[in-house]
Amino acid sequence: MNTRPGILVLTLVMPGLLVFLISLYYFGTDYSALIKAESYVAQLARDEKANEKSLQLAYHRALSHRINVFADATWALLGFAIAGIGIHGLATIADKNNSPH
């Protein structure tokens, strides 16, 4: 009976929290890169000497950063959901042990 909580912690809670924290870190770094790329696109759009090719290249770089930010946030949400499932399992085991039959 005492091994069930340990299995839940090792297989769901710890990996879920690890995925959440790693994804949250990369979300922060990718978000700052997205902000820089978007400001560069805005700067190029205001510049009269910028040509269409450089503007398109900067826009597509910003778009790739936007996709990375979305993917990082999705992985963070998935990791948090996995950890939540493990925590729910721990609470359910504790309820079963405390309820009279």
PDB file of N, CA and C in Angstrom:
ATOM      1  N   MET A   1       0.804  -1.191   0.000  1.00  0.00           N
ATOM      2  CA  MET A   1       0.000   0.000   0.000  1.00  0.00           C
ATOM      3  C   MET A   1       0.855   1.266   0.000  1.00  0.00           C
ATOM      4  N   ASN A   2       2.020   1.252   0.626  1.00  0.00           N
ATOM      5  CA  ASN A   2       2.857   2.443   0.699  1.00  0.00           C
ATOM      6  C   ASN A   2       3.629   2.713  -0.583  1.00  0.00           C
ATOM      7  N   THR A   3       3.664   1.760  -1.481  1.00  0.00           N
ATOM      8  CA  THR A   3       4.396   1.974  -2.729  1.00  0.00           C
ATOM      9  C   THR A   3       3.581   2.756  -3.750  1.00  0.00           C
ATOM     10  N   ARG A   4       2.256   2.764  -3.617  1.00  0.00           N
ATOM     11  CA  ARG A   4       1.423   3.487  -4.589  1.00  0.00           C
ATOM     12  C   ARG A   4       1.719   4.982  -4.630  1.00  0.00           C
ATOM     13  N   PRO A   5       1.792   5.658  -3.502  1.00  0.00           N
ATOM     14  CA  PRO A   5       2.129   7.089  -3.582  1.00  0.00           C
ATOM     15  C   PRO A   5       3.512   7.339  -4.176  1.00  0.00           C
ATOM     16  N   GLY A   6       4.444   6.493  -3.863  1.00  0.00           N
ATOM     17  CA  GLY A   6       5.788   6.631  -4.421  1.00  0.00           C
ATOM     18  C   GLY A   6       5.809   6.466  -5.929  1.00  0.00           C
ATOM     19  N   ILE A   7       5.033   5.490  -6.415  1.00  0.00           N
ATOM     20  CA  ILE A   7       4.949   5.285  -7.859  1.00  0.00           C
ATOM     21  C   ILE A   7       4.309   6.490  -8.543  1.00  0.00           C
ATOM     22  N   LEU A   8       3.261   7.040  -7.939  1.00  0.00           N
ATOM     23  CA  LEU A   8       2.612   8.220  -8.517  1.00  0.00           C
ATOM     24  C   LEU A   8       3.552   9.425  -8.541  1.00  0.00           C
ATOM     25  N   VAL A   9       4.291   9.600  -7.472  1.00  0.00           N
ATOM     26  CA  VAL A   9       5.212  10.731  -7.415  1.00  0.00           C
ATOM     27  C   VAL A   9       6.314  10.580  -8.462  1.00  0.00           C
ATOM     28  N   LEU A  10       6.857   9.378  -8.594  1.00  0.00           N
ATOM     29  CA  LEU A  10       7.967   9.159  -9.530  1.00  0.00           C
ATOM     30  C   LEU A  10       7.538   9.141 -10.995  1.00  0.00           C
ATOM     31  N   THR A  11       6.316   8.707 -11.274  1.00  0.00           N
ATOM     32  CA  THR A  11       5.912   8.572 -12.673  1.00  0.00           C
ATOM     33  C   THR A  11       5.070   9.718 -13.193  1.00  0.00           C
ATOM     34  N   LEU A  12       4.396  10.458 -12.325  1.00  0.00           N
ATOM     35  CA  LEU A  12       3.524  11.535 -12.798  1.00  0.00           C
ATOM     36  C   LEU A  12       3.890  12.905 -12.237  1.00  0.00           C
ATOM     37  N   VAL A  13       4.012  13.019 -10.929  1.00  0.00           N
ATOM     38  CA  VAL A  13       4.193  14.336 -10.331  1.00  0.00           C
ATOM     39  C   VAL A  13       5.560  14.917 -10.678  1.00  0.00           C
ATOM     40  N   MET A  14       6.618  14.189 -10.440  1.00  0.00           N
ATOM     41  CA  MET A  14       7.966  14.705 -10.709  1.00  0.00           C
ATOM     42  C   MET A  14       8.202  14.983 -12.194  1.00  0.00           C
ATOM     43  N   PRO A  15       7.911  14.049 -13.113  1.00  0.00           N
ATOM     44  CA  PRO A  15       8.114  14.379 -14.530  1.00  0.00           C
ATOM     45  C   PRO A  15       7.221  15.519 -15.011  1.00  0.00           C
ATOM     46  N   GLY A  16       5.989  15.576 -14.512  1.00  0.00           N
ATOM     47  CA  GLY A  16       5.092  16.659 -14.911  1.00  0.00           C
ATOM     48  C   GLY A  16       5.612  18.016 -14.480  1.00  0.00           C
ATOM     49  N   LEU A  17       6.067  18.100 -13.237  1.00  0.00           N
ATOM     50  CA  LEU A  17       6.627  19.358 -12.756  1.00  0.00           C
ATOM     51  C   LEU A  17       7.926  19.714 -13.470  1.00  0.00           C
ATOM     52  N   LEU A  18       8.719  18.711 -13.799  1.00  0.00           N
ATOM     53  CA  LEU A  18       9.963  18.949 -14.523  1.00  0.00           C
ATOM     54  C   LEU A  18       9.678  19.501 -15.922  1.00  0.00           C
ATOM     55  N   VAL A  19       8.732  18.901 -16.629  1.00  0.00           N
ATOM     56  CA  VAL A  19       8.350  19.399 -17.953  1.00  0.00           C
ATOM     57  C   VAL A  19       7.792  20.812 -17.837  1.00  0.00           C
ATOM     58  N   PHE A  20       6.978  21.052 -16.820  1.00  0.00           N
ATOM     59  CA  PHE A  20       6.401  22.378 -16.612  1.00  0.00           C
ATOM     60  C   PHE A  20       7.485  23.426 -16.392  1.00  0.00           C
ATOM     61  N   LEU A  21       8.437  23.150 -15.526  1.00  0.00           N
ATOM     62  CA  LEU A  21       9.471  24.128 -15.205  1.00  0.00           C
ATOM     63  C   LEU A  21      10.415  24.376 -16.374  1.00  0.00           C
ATOM     64  N   ILE A  22      10.804  23.316 -17.078  1.00  0.00           N
ATOM     65  CA  ILE A  22      11.685  23.484 -18.232  1.00  0.00           C
ATOM     66  C   ILE A  22      10.982  24.266 -19.335  1.00  0.00           C
ATOM     67  N   SER A  23       9.731  23.947 -19.582  1.00  0.00           N
ATOM     68  CA  SER A  23       8.980  24.661 -20.609  1.00  0.00           C
ATOM     69  C   SER A  23       8.753  26.109 -20.227  1.00  0.00           C
ATOM     70  N   LEU A  24       8.544  26.362 -18.952  1.00  0.00           N
ATOM     71  CA  LEU A  24       8.361  27.733 -18.489  1.00  0.00           C
ATOM     72  C   LEU A  24       9.646  28.543 -18.668  1.00  0.00           C
ATOM     73  N   TYR A  25      10.787  27.921 -18.435  1.00  0.00           N
ATOM     74  CA  TYR A  25      12.065  28.605 -18.658  1.00  0.00           C
ATOM     75  C   TYR A  25      12.234  28.972 -20.129  1.00  0.00           C
ATOM     76  N   TYR A  26      12.008  27.999 -21.018  1.00  0.00           N
ATOM     77  CA  TYR A  26      12.164  28.270 -22.443  1.00  0.00           C
ATOM     78  C   TYR A  26      11.085  29.213 -22.970  1.00  0.00           C
ATOM     79  N   PHE A  27       9.916  29.223 -22.341  1.00  0.00           N
ATOM     80  CA  PHE A  27       8.893  30.198 -22.695  1.00  0.00           C
ATOM     81  C   PHE A  27       9.406  31.612 -22.441  1.00  0.00           C
ATOM     82  N   GLY A  28      10.045  31.814 -21.320  1.00  0.00           N
ATOM     83  CA  GLY A  28      10.581  33.134 -21.002  1.00  0.00           C
ATOM     84  C   GLY A  28      11.657  33.585 -21.974  1.00  0.00           C
ATOM     85  N   THR A  29      12.569  32.688 -22.309  1.00  0.00           N
ATOM     86  CA  THR A  29      13.627  33.067 -23.248  1.00  0.00           C
ATOM     87  C   THR A  29      13.075  33.297 -24.646  1.00  0.00           C
ATOM     88  N   ASP A  30      12.156  32.444 -25.091  1.00  0.00           N
ATOM     89  CA  ASP A  30      11.578  32.620 -26.420  1.00  0.00           C
ATOM     90  C   ASP A  30      10.673  33.843 -26.489  1.00  0.00           C
ATOM     91  N   TYR A  31      10.006  34.179 -25.385  1.00  0.00           N
ATOM     92  CA  TYR A  31       9.144  35.343 -25.382  1.00  0.00           C
ATOM     93  C   TYR A  31       9.957  36.630 -25.491  1.00  0.00           C
ATOM     94  N   SER A  32      11.091  36.662 -24.811  1.00  0.00           N
ATOM     95  CA  SER A  32      11.944  37.850 -24.936  1.00  0.00           C
ATOM     96  C   SER A  32      12.508  37.973 -26.349  1.00  0.00           C
ATOM     97  N   ALA A  33      12.837  36.847 -26.984  1.00  0.00           N
ATOM     98  CA  ALA A  33      13.294  36.884 -28.378  1.00  0.00           C
ATOM     99  C   ALA A  33      12.168  37.329 -29.309  1.00  0.00           C
ATOM    100  N   LEU A  34      10.939  36.925 -29.011  1.00  0.00           N
ATOM    101  CA  LEU A  34       9.789  37.359 -29.802  1.00  0.00           C
ATOM    102  C   LEU A  34       9.590  38.864 -29.699  1.00  0.00           C
ATOM    103  N   ILE A  35       9.726  39.409 -28.508  1.00  0.00           N
ATOM    104  CA  ILE A  35       9.575  40.848 -28.321  1.00  0.00           C
ATOM    105  C   ILE A  35      10.635  41.603 -29.125  1.00  0.00           C
ATOM    106  N   LYS A  36      11.873  41.115 -29.099  1.00  0.00           N
ATOM    107  CA  LYS A  36      12.943  41.754 -29.869  1.00  0.00           C
ATOM    108  C   LYS A  36      12.666  41.667 -31.366  1.00  0.00           C
ATOM    109  N   ALA A  37      12.209  40.511 -31.833  1.00  0.00           N
ATOM    110  CA  ALA A  37      11.935  40.337 -33.254  1.00  0.00           C
ATOM    111  C   ALA A  37      10.769  41.209 -33.705  1.00  0.00           C
ATOM    112  N   GLU A  38       9.739  41.317 -32.881  1.00  0.00           N
ATOM    113  CA  GLU A  38       8.591  42.162 -33.234  1.00  0.00           C
ATOM    114  C   GLU A  38       8.979  43.638 -33.262  1.00  0.00           C
ATOM    115  N   SER A  39       9.810  44.064 -32.341  1.00  0.00           N
ATOM    116  CA  SER A  39      10.247  45.465 -32.359  1.00  0.00           C
ATOM    117  C   SER A  39      11.134  45.743 -33.570  1.00  0.00           C
ATOM    118  N   TYR A  40      11.921  44.748 -33.993  1.00  0.00           N
ATOM    119  CA  TYR A  40      12.746  44.919 -35.198  1.00  0.00           C
ATOM    120  C   TYR A  40      11.876  45.016 -36.447  1.00  0.00           C
ATOM    121  N   VAL A  41      10.806  44.247 -36.506  1.00  0.00           N
ATOM    122  CA  VAL A  41       9.881  44.333 -37.635  1.00  0.00           C
ATOM    123  C   VAL A  41       9.237  45.717 -37.669  1.00  0.00           C
ATOM    124  N   ALA A  42       8.835  46.212 -36.522  1.00  0.00           N
ATOM    125  CA  ALA A  42       8.234  47.547 -36.454  1.00  0.00           C
ATOM    126  C   ALA A  42       9.234  48.622 -36.862  1.00  0.00           C
ATOM    127  N   GLN A  43      10.488  48.443 -36.461  1.00  0.00           N
ATOM    128  CA  GLN A  43      11.531  49.399 -36.841  1.00  0.00           C
ATOM    129  C   GLN A  43      11.753  49.373 -38.347  1.00  0.00           C
ATOM    130  N   LEU A  44      11.795  48.199 -38.935  1.00  0.00           N
ATOM    131  CA  LEU A  44      11.971  48.092 -40.388  1.00  0.00           C
ATOM    132  C   LEU A  44      10.772  48.667 -41.141  1.00  0.00           C
ATOM    133  N   ALA A  45       9.586  48.478 -40.600  1.00  0.00           N
ATOM    134  CA  ALA A  45       8.391  49.001 -41.267  1.00  0.00           C
ATOM    135  C   ALA A  45       8.398  50.533 -41.276  1.00  0.00           C
ATOM    136  N   ARG A  46       8.958  51.146 -40.244  1.00  0.00           N
ATOM    137  CA  ARG A  46       9.044  52.607 -40.202  1.00  0.00           C
ATOM    138  C   ARG A  46      10.183  53.159 -41.046  1.00  0.00           C
ATOM    139  N   ASP A  47      11.195  52.316 -41.282  1.00  0.00           N
ATOM    140  CA  ASP A  47      12.366  52.761 -42.032  1.00  0.00           C
ATOM    141  C   ASP A  47      12.024  52.889 -43.519  1.00  0.00           C
ATOM    142  N   GLU A  48      12.367  54.015 -44.103  1.00  0.00           N
ATOM    143  CA  GLU A  48      12.057  54.245 -45.516  1.00  0.00           C
ATOM    144  C   GLU A  48      13.029  53.525 -46.451  1.00  0.00           C
ATOM    145  N   LYS A  49      14.219  53.187 -45.952  1.00  0.00           N
ATOM    146  CA  LYS A  49      15.234  52.542 -46.779  1.00  0.00           C
ATOM    147  C   LYS A  49      15.099  51.018 -46.810  1.00  0.00           C
ATOM    148  N   ALA A  50      14.246  50.458 -45.972  1.00  0.00           N
ATOM    149  CA  ALA A  50      14.099  48.993 -45.908  1.00  0.00           C
ATOM    150  C   ALA A  50      13.384  48.490 -47.158  1.00  0.00           C
ATOM    151  N   ASN A  51      13.890  47.394 -47.691  1.00  0.00           N
ATOM    152  CA  ASN A  51      13.246  46.800 -48.866  1.00  0.00           C
ATOM    153  C   ASN A  51      12.288  45.687 -48.442  1.00  0.00           C
ATOM    154  N   GLU A  52      11.548  45.200 -49.405  1.00  0.00           N
ATOM    155  CA  GLU A  52      10.523  44.177 -49.136  1.00  0.00           C
ATOM    156  C   GLU A  52      11.145  42.872 -48.642  1.00  0.00           C
ATOM    157  N   LYS A  53      12.294  42.508 -49.172  1.00  0.00           N
ATOM    158  CA  LYS A  53      12.943  41.249 -48.797  1.00  0.00           C
ATOM    159  C   LYS A  53      13.369  41.254 -47.328  1.00  0.00           C
ATOM    160  N   SER A  54      13.966  42.335 -46.872  1.00  0.00           N
ATOM    161  CA  SER A  54      14.397  42.389 -45.471  1.00  0.00           C
ATOM    162  C   SER A  54      13.191  42.429 -44.538  1.00  0.00           C
ATOM    163  N   LEU A  55      12.123  43.085 -44.954  1.00  0.00           N
ATOM    164  CA  LEU A  55      10.913  43.127 -44.139  1.00  0.00           C
ATOM    165  C   LEU A  55      10.264  41.745 -44.040  1.00  0.00           C
ATOM    166  N   GLN A  56      10.222  41.030 -45.151  1.00  0.00           N
ATOM    167  CA  GLN A  56       9.665  39.680 -45.131  1.00  0.00           C
ATOM    168  C   GLN A  56      10.506  38.740 -44.274  1.00  0.00           C
ATOM    169  N   LEU A  57      11.826  38.855 -44.376  1.00  0.00           N
ATOM    170  CA  LEU A  57      12.710  38.006 -43.568  1.00  0.00           C
ATOM    171  C   LEU A  57      12.512  38.273 -42.078  1.00  0.00           C
ATOM    172  N   ALA A  58      12.441  39.530 -41.703  1.00  0.00           N
ATOM    173  CA  ALA A  58      12.236  39.867 -40.288  1.00  0.00           C
ATOM    174  C   ALA A  58      10.870  39.390 -39.815  1.00  0.00           C
ATOM    175  N   TYR A  59       9.852  39.505 -40.658  1.00  0.00           N
ATOM    176  CA  TYR A  59       8.516  39.049 -40.278  1.00  0.00           C
ATOM    177  C   TYR A  59       8.501  37.538 -40.058  1.00  0.00           C
ATOM    178  N   HIS A  60       9.152  36.788 -40.925  1.00  0.00           N
ATOM    179  CA  HIS A  60       9.152  35.329 -40.786  1.00  0.00           C
ATOM    180  C   HIS A  60       9.994  34.871 -39.597  1.00  0.00           C
ATOM    181  N   ARG A  61      11.013  35.613 -39.265  1.00  0.00           N
ATOM    182  CA  ARG A  61      11.759  35.310 -38.031  1.00  0.00           C
ATOM    183  C   ARG A  61      10.862  35.515 -36.809  1.00  0.00           C
ATOM    184  N   ALA A  62      10.114  36.602 -36.800  1.00  0.00           N
ATOM    185  CA  ALA A  62       9.190  36.858 -35.690  1.00  0.00           C
ATOM    186  C   ALA A  62       8.113  35.784 -35.632  1.00  0.00           C
ATOM    187  N   LEU A  63       7.671  35.331 -36.783  1.00  0.00           N
ATOM    188  CA  LEU A  63       6.658  34.277 -36.826  1.00  0.00           C
ATOM    189  C   LEU A  63       7.202  32.964 -36.252  1.00  0.00           C
ATOM    190  N   SER A  64       8.453  32.645 -36.545  1.00  0.00           N
ATOM    191  CA  SER A  64       9.027  31.417 -35.979  1.00  0.00           C
ATOM    192  C   SER A  64       9.159  31.525 -34.457  1.00  0.00           C
ATOM    193  N   HIS A  65       9.496  32.714 -33.951  1.00  0.00           N
ATOM    194  CA  HIS A  65       9.540  32.901 -32.498  1.00  0.00           C
ATOM    195  C   HIS A  65       8.144  32.771 -31.894  1.00  0.00           C
ATOM    196  N   ARG A  66       7.141  33.255 -32.598  1.00  0.00           N
ATOM    197  CA  ARG A  66       5.763  33.152 -32.110  1.00  0.00           C
ATOM    198  C   ARG A  66       5.340  31.686 -32.004  1.00  0.00           C
ATOM    199  N   ILE A  67       5.731  30.873 -32.971  1.00  0.00           N
ATOM    200  CA  ILE A  67       5.419  29.444 -32.946  1.00  0.00           C
ATOM    201  C   ILE A  67       6.137  28.765 -31.781  1.00  0.00           C
ATOM    202  N   ASN A  68       7.384  29.149 -31.530  1.00  0.00           N
ATOM    203  CA  ASN A  68       8.131  28.575 -30.406  1.00  0.00           C
ATOM    204  C   ASN A  68       7.497  28.919 -29.069  1.00  0.00           C
ATOM    205  N   VAL A  69       7.033  30.161 -28.920  1.00  0.00           N
ATOM    206  CA  VAL A  69       6.380  30.565 -27.677  1.00  0.00           C
ATOM    207  C   VAL A  69       5.103  29.761 -27.470  1.00  0.00           C
ATOM    208  N   PHE A  70       4.336  29.572 -28.529  1.00  0.00           N
ATOM    209  CA  PHE A  70       3.110  28.780 -28.429  1.00  0.00           C
ATOM    210  C   PHE A  70       3.422  27.335 -28.034  1.00  0.00           C
ATOM    211  N   ALA A  71       4.449  26.750 -28.643  1.00  0.00           N
ATOM    212  CA  ALA A  71       4.810  25.363 -28.331  1.00  0.00           C
ATOM    213  C   ALA A  71       5.289  25.240 -26.885  1.00  0.00           C
ATOM    214  N   ASP A  72       6.077  26.193 -26.417  1.00  0.00           N
ATOM    215  CA  ASP A  72       6.548  26.149 -25.031  1.00  0.00           C
ATOM    216  C   ASP A  72       5.389  26.253 -24.046  1.00  0.00           C
ATOM    217  N   ALA A  73       4.443  27.130 -24.337  1.00  0.00           N
ATOM    218  CA  ALA A  73       3.282  27.268 -23.448  1.00  0.00           C
ATOM    219  C   ALA A  73       2.431  25.999 -23.467  1.00  0.00           C
ATOM    220  N   THR A  74       2.312  25.370 -24.628  1.00  0.00           N
ATOM    221  CA  THR A  74       1.544  24.128 -24.718  1.00  0.00           C
ATOM    222  C   THR A  74       2.210  23.017 -23.915  1.00  0.00           C
ATOM    223  N   TRP A  75       3.523  22.898 -24.003  1.00  0.00           N
ATOM    224  CA  TRP A  75       4.231  21.884 -23.225  1.00  0.00           C
ATOM    225  C   TRP A  75       4.130  22.164 -21.732  1.00  0.00           C
ATOM    226  N   ALA A  76       4.176  23.438 -21.340  1.00  0.00           N
ATOM    227  CA  ALA A  76       4.031  23.768 -19.923  1.00  0.00           C
ATOM    228  C   ALA A  76       2.646  23.367 -19.420  1.00  0.00           C
ATOM    229  N   LEU A  77       1.636  23.628 -20.211  1.00  0.00           N
ATOM    230  CA  LEU A  77       0.279  23.235 -19.831  1.00  0.00           C
ATOM    231  C   LEU A  77       0.153  21.717 -19.736  1.00  0.00           C
ATOM    232  N   LEU A  78       0.747  21.004 -20.663  1.00  0.00           N
ATOM    233  CA  LEU A  78       0.708  19.544 -20.642  1.00  0.00           C
ATOM    234  C   LEU A  78       1.426  18.990 -19.415  1.00  0.00           C
ATOM    235  N   GLY A  79       2.597  19.540 -19.099  1.00  0.00           N
ATOM    236  CA  GLY A  79       3.330  19.092 -17.910  1.00  0.00           C
ATOM    237  C   GLY A  79       2.567  19.361 -16.631  1.00  0.00           C
ATOM    238  N   PHE A  80       1.913  20.515 -16.565  1.00  0.00           N
ATOM    239  CA  PHE A  80       1.125  20.836 -15.377  1.00  0.00           C
ATOM    240  C   PHE A  80      -0.084  19.918 -15.261  1.00  0.00           C
ATOM    241  N   ALA A  81      -0.684  19.547 -16.391  1.00  0.00           N
ATOM    242  CA  ALA A  81      -1.824  18.621 -16.364  1.00  0.00           C
ATOM    243  C   ALA A  81      -1.388  17.234 -15.895  1.00  0.00           C
ATOM    244  N   ILE A  82      -0.232  16.789 -16.345  1.00  0.00           N
ATOM    245  CA  ILE A  82       0.282  15.484 -15.920  1.00  0.00           C
ATOM    246  C   ILE A  82       0.566  15.491 -14.416  1.00  0.00           C
ATOM    247  N   ALA A  83       1.198  16.565 -13.934  1.00  0.00           N
ATOM    248  CA  ALA A  83       1.456  16.670 -12.490  1.00  0.00           C
ATOM    249  C   ALA A  83       0.150  16.746 -11.714  1.00  0.00           C
ATOM    250  N   GLY A  84      -0.845  17.414 -12.258  1.00  0.00           N
ATOM    251  CA  GLY A  84      -2.152  17.507 -11.599  1.00  0.00           C
ATOM    252  C   GLY A  84      -2.834  16.161 -11.500  1.00  0.00           C
ATOM    253  N   ILE A  85      -2.688  15.340 -12.532  1.00  0.00           N
ATOM    254  CA  ILE A  85      -3.248  13.992 -12.490  1.00  0.00           C
ATOM    255  C   ILE A  85      -2.583  13.181 -11.384  1.00  0.00           C
ATOM    256  N   GLY A  86      -1.267  13.322 -11.257  1.00  0.00           N
ATOM    257  CA  GLY A  86      -0.558  12.613 -10.191  1.00  0.00           C
ATOM    258  C   GLY A  86      -0.960  13.087  -8.809  1.00  0.00           C
ATOM    259  N   ILE A  87      -1.123  14.399  -8.647  1.00  0.00           N
ATOM    260  CA  ILE A  87      -1.545  14.940  -7.351  1.00  0.00           C
ATOM    261  C   ILE A  87      -2.965  14.489  -7.024  1.00  0.00           C
ATOM    262  N   HIS A  88      -3.816  14.455  -8.034  1.00  0.00           N
ATOM    263  CA  HIS A  88      -5.181  13.957  -7.816  1.00  0.00           C
ATOM    264  C   HIS A  88      -5.157  12.488  -7.392  1.00  0.00           C
ATOM    265  N   GLY A  89      -4.281  11.715  -8.001  1.00  0.00           N
ATOM    266  CA  GLY A  89      -4.143  10.315  -7.607  1.00  0.00           C
ATOM    267  C   GLY A  89      -3.670  10.171  -6.170  1.00  0.00           C
ATOM    268  N   LEU A  90      -2.750  11.029  -5.748  1.00  0.00           N
ATOM    269  CA  LEU A  90      -2.290  10.995  -4.364  1.00  0.00           C
ATOM    270  C   LEU A  90      -3.417  11.345  -3.399  1.00  0.00           C
ATOM    271  N   ALA A  91      -4.219  12.334  -3.757  1.00  0.00           N
ATOM    272  CA  ALA A  91      -5.340  12.711  -2.893  1.00  0.00           C
ATOM    273  C   ALA A  91      -6.390  11.613  -2.844  1.00  0.00           C
ATOM    274  N   THR A  92      -6.611  10.931  -3.940  1.00  0.00           N
ATOM    275  CA  THR A  92      -7.592   9.849  -3.990  1.00  0.00           C
ATOM    276  C   THR A  92      -7.125   8.671  -3.148  1.00  0.00           C
ATOM    277  N   ILE A  93      -5.816   8.364  -3.186  1.00  0.00           N
ATOM    278  CA  ILE A  93      -5.297   7.280  -2.356  1.00  0.00           C
ATOM    279  C   ILE A  93      -5.454   7.625  -0.877  1.00  0.00           C
ATOM    280  N   ALA A  94      -5.195   8.869  -0.524  1.00  0.00           N
ATOM    281  CA  ALA A  94      -5.323   9.298   0.876  1.00  0.00           C
ATOM    282  C   ALA A  94      -6.787   9.218   1.324  1.00  0.00           C
ATOM    283  N   ASP A  95      -7.726   9.562   0.432  1.00  0.00           N
ATOM    284  CA  ASP A  95      -9.146   9.463   0.780  1.00  0.00           C
ATOM    285  C   ASP A  95      -9.574   8.024   0.984  1.00  0.00           C
ATOM    286  N   LYS A  96      -9.066   7.118   0.169  1.00  0.00           N
ATOM    287  CA  LYS A  96      -9.424   5.700   0.307  1.00  0.00           C
ATOM    288  C   LYS A  96      -8.901   5.117   1.606  1.00  0.00           C
ATOM    289  N   ASN A  97      -7.707   5.573   2.021  1.00  0.00           N
ATOM    290  CA  ASN A  97      -7.131   5.054   3.263  1.00  0.00           C
ATOM    291  C   ASN A  97      -7.850   5.591   4.500  1.00  0.00           C
ATOM    292  N   ASN A  98      -8.442   6.770   4.408  1.00  0.00           N
ATOM    293  CA  ASN A  98      -9.085   7.375   5.579  1.00  0.00           C
ATOM    294  C   ASN A  98     -10.578   7.070   5.673  1.00  0.00           C
ATOM    295  N   SER A  99     -11.206   6.607   4.603  1.00  0.00           N
ATOM    296  CA  SER A  99     -12.648   6.379   4.636  1.00  0.00           C
ATOM    297  C   SER A  99     -12.956   5.015   5.264  1.00  0.00           C
ATOM    298  N   PRO A 100     -13.982   4.963   6.138  1.00  0.00           N
ATOM    299  CA  PRO A 100     -14.363   3.680   6.749  1.00  0.00           C
ATOM    300  C   PRO A 100     -15.179   2.839   5.756  1.00  0.00           C
ATOM    301  N   HIS A 101     -15.012   1.551   5.803  1.00  0.00           N
ATOM    302  CA  HIS A 101     -15.763   0.652   4.916  1.00  0.00           C
ATOM    303  C   HIS A 101     -16.765  -0.118   5.688  1.00  0.00           C
TER     304      HIS A 101
END
